[in-house]
């Protein structure tokens, strides 16, 4: 994996985790909403796996944010 992919994965995972916590959702609840296993969602949040745009879109919708907000670097 190159450095850009690594940064993308870590940033995406950080933003998903941040928004999930802001919405006071557990990983289990979000995973159920977007129809993935908790283990898979955990790996996404930890930057261990790359996911497809369809799942990123489902996660964004569940968190009431845009895809851009999830993939933008250094979200606050």
C-alpha atoms as a PDB file:
ATOM      1  CA  UNK A   1       0.000   0.000   0.000  1.00  0.00           C
ATOM      2  CA  UNK A   2       1.333   3.399  -0.892  1.00  0.00           C
ATOM      3  CA  UNK A   3       1.375   6.411   1.406  1.00  0.00           C
ATOM      4  CA  UNK A   4      -1.631   8.111  -0.233  1.00  0.00           C
ATOM      5  CA  UNK A   5      -3.815   5.035   0.206  1.00  0.00           C
ATOM      6  CA  UNK A   6      -2.658   4.681   3.804  1.00  0.00           C
ATOM      7  CA  UNK A   7      -3.541   8.321   4.561  1.00  0.00           C
ATOM      8  CA  UNK A   8      -6.909   7.963   2.816  1.00  0.00           C
ATOM      9  CA  UNK A   9      -7.808   4.865   4.850  1.00  0.00           C
ATOM     10  CA  UNK A  10      -6.754   6.425   8.156  1.00  0.00           C
ATOM     11  CA  UNK A  11      -8.542   9.690   7.416  1.00  0.00           C
ATOM     12  CA  UNK A  12     -11.749   7.983   6.308  1.00  0.00           C
ATOM     13  CA  UNK A  13     -11.753   5.786   9.395  1.00  0.00           C
ATOM     14  CA  UNK A  14     -11.085   8.718  11.693  1.00  0.00           C
ATOM     15  CA  UNK A  15     -13.912  10.751  10.163  1.00  0.00           C
ATOM     16  CA  UNK A  16     -16.384   7.857  10.337  1.00  0.00           C
ATOM     17  CA  UNK A  17     -15.491   7.221  13.964  1.00  0.00           C
ATOM     18  CA  UNK A  18     -15.730  10.926  14.836  1.00  0.00           C
ATOM     19  CA  UNK A  19     -19.157  11.326  13.227  1.00  0.00           C
ATOM     20  CA  UNK A  20     -20.418   8.055  14.718  1.00  0.00           C
ATOM     21  CA  UNK A  21     -19.468   9.237  18.185  1.00  0.00           C
ATOM     22  CA  UNK A  22     -21.044  12.657  17.578  1.00  0.00           C
ATOM     23  CA  UNK A  23     -24.272  10.858  16.760  1.00  0.00           C
ATOM     24  CA  UNK A  24     -23.849   8.741  19.898  1.00  0.00           C
ATOM     25  CA  UNK A  25     -23.926   5.502  17.906  1.00  0.00           C
ATOM     26  CA  UNK A  26     -22.051   2.334  18.752  1.00  0.00           C
ATOM     27  CA  UNK A  27     -20.108   0.462  16.109  1.00  0.00           C
ATOM     28  CA  UNK A  28     -22.662  -2.317  16.431  1.00  0.00           C
ATOM     29  CA  UNK A  29     -25.571   0.031  15.714  1.00  0.00           C
ATOM     30  CA  UNK A  30     -23.932   1.707  12.722  1.00  0.00           C
ATOM     31  CA  UNK A  31     -22.837  -1.659  11.329  1.00  0.00           C
ATOM     32  CA  UNK A  32     -26.408  -2.915  11.558  1.00  0.00           C
ATOM     33  CA  UNK A  33     -27.778   0.205   9.847  1.00  0.00           C
ATOM     34  CA  UNK A  34     -25.378  -0.103   6.903  1.00  0.00           C
ATOM     35  CA  UNK A  35     -25.601  -3.916   6.796  1.00  0.00           C
ATOM     36  CA  UNK A  36     -21.985  -4.887   7.482  1.00  0.00           C
ATOM     37  CA  UNK A  37     -20.413  -6.812  10.320  1.00  0.00           C
ATOM     38  CA  UNK A  38     -19.134  -4.934  13.332  1.00  0.00           C
ATOM     39  CA  UNK A  39     -15.729  -6.479  12.647  1.00  0.00           C
ATOM     40  CA  UNK A  40     -15.676  -4.988   9.129  1.00  0.00           C
ATOM     41  CA  UNK A  41     -16.741  -1.547  10.372  1.00  0.00           C
ATOM     42  CA  UNK A  42     -14.026  -1.695  13.025  1.00  0.00           C
ATOM     43  CA  UNK A  43     -11.442  -2.434  10.334  1.00  0.00           C
ATOM     44  CA  UNK A  44     -12.702   0.512   8.263  1.00  0.00           C
ATOM     45  CA  UNK A  45     -12.507   2.851  11.266  1.00  0.00           C
ATOM     46  CA  UNK A  46      -8.984   1.619  12.038  1.00  0.00           C
ATOM     47  CA  UNK A  47      -7.854   2.130   8.444  1.00  0.00           C
ATOM     48  CA  UNK A  48      -7.117  -1.564   7.970  1.00  0.00           C
ATOM     49  CA  UNK A  49      -9.284  -2.062   4.884  1.00  0.00           C
ATOM     50  CA  UNK A  50     -10.338  -0.069   1.876  1.00  0.00           C
ATOM     51  CA  UNK A  51     -14.046   0.031   1.143  1.00  0.00           C
ATOM     52  CA  UNK A  52     -16.097   0.897  -1.911  1.00  0.00           C
ATOM     53  CA  UNK A  53     -17.951   4.105  -2.644  1.00  0.00           C
ATOM     54  CA  UNK A  54     -21.321   2.395  -2.221  1.00  0.00           C
ATOM     55  CA  UNK A  55     -20.582   1.527   1.409  1.00  0.00           C
ATOM     56  CA  UNK A  56     -19.041   4.945   2.070  1.00  0.00           C
ATOM     57  CA  UNK A  57     -22.249   6.457   0.710  1.00  0.00           C
ATOM     58  CA  UNK A  58     -24.404   4.264   2.981  1.00  0.00           C
ATOM     59  CA  UNK A  59     -22.304   5.220   5.997  1.00  0.00           C
ATOM     60  CA  UNK A  60     -22.530   8.924   5.105  1.00  0.00           C
ATOM     61  CA  UNK A  61     -26.306   8.695   4.803  1.00  0.00           C
ATOM     62  CA  UNK A  62     -26.593   6.870   8.131  1.00  0.00           C
ATOM     63  CA  UNK A  63     -24.469   9.550   9.802  1.00  0.00           C
ATOM     64  CA  UNK A  64     -26.319  12.392   8.041  1.00  0.00           C
ATOM     65  CA  UNK A  65     -23.147  13.761   6.432  1.00  0.00           C
ATOM     66  CA  UNK A  66     -21.886  13.920   2.863  1.00  0.00           C
ATOM     67  CA  UNK A  67     -19.392  11.522   1.338  1.00  0.00           C
ATOM     68  CA  UNK A  68     -17.109  14.509   0.904  1.00  0.00           C
ATOM     69  CA  UNK A  69     -17.208  15.153   4.656  1.00  0.00           C
ATOM     70  CA  UNK A  70     -16.069  11.589   5.298  1.00  0.00           C
ATOM     71  CA  UNK A  71     -13.220  11.624   2.812  1.00  0.00           C
ATOM     72  CA  UNK A  72     -11.970  15.162   3.379  1.00  0.00           C
ATOM     73  CA  UNK A  73      -8.675  15.267   5.215  1.00  0.00           C
ATOM     74  CA  UNK A  74      -8.389  16.769   8.693  1.00  0.00           C
ATOM     75  CA  UNK A  75     -12.066  16.951   9.534  1.00  0.00           C
ATOM     76  CA  UNK A  76     -12.815  18.714  12.827  1.00  0.00           C
END
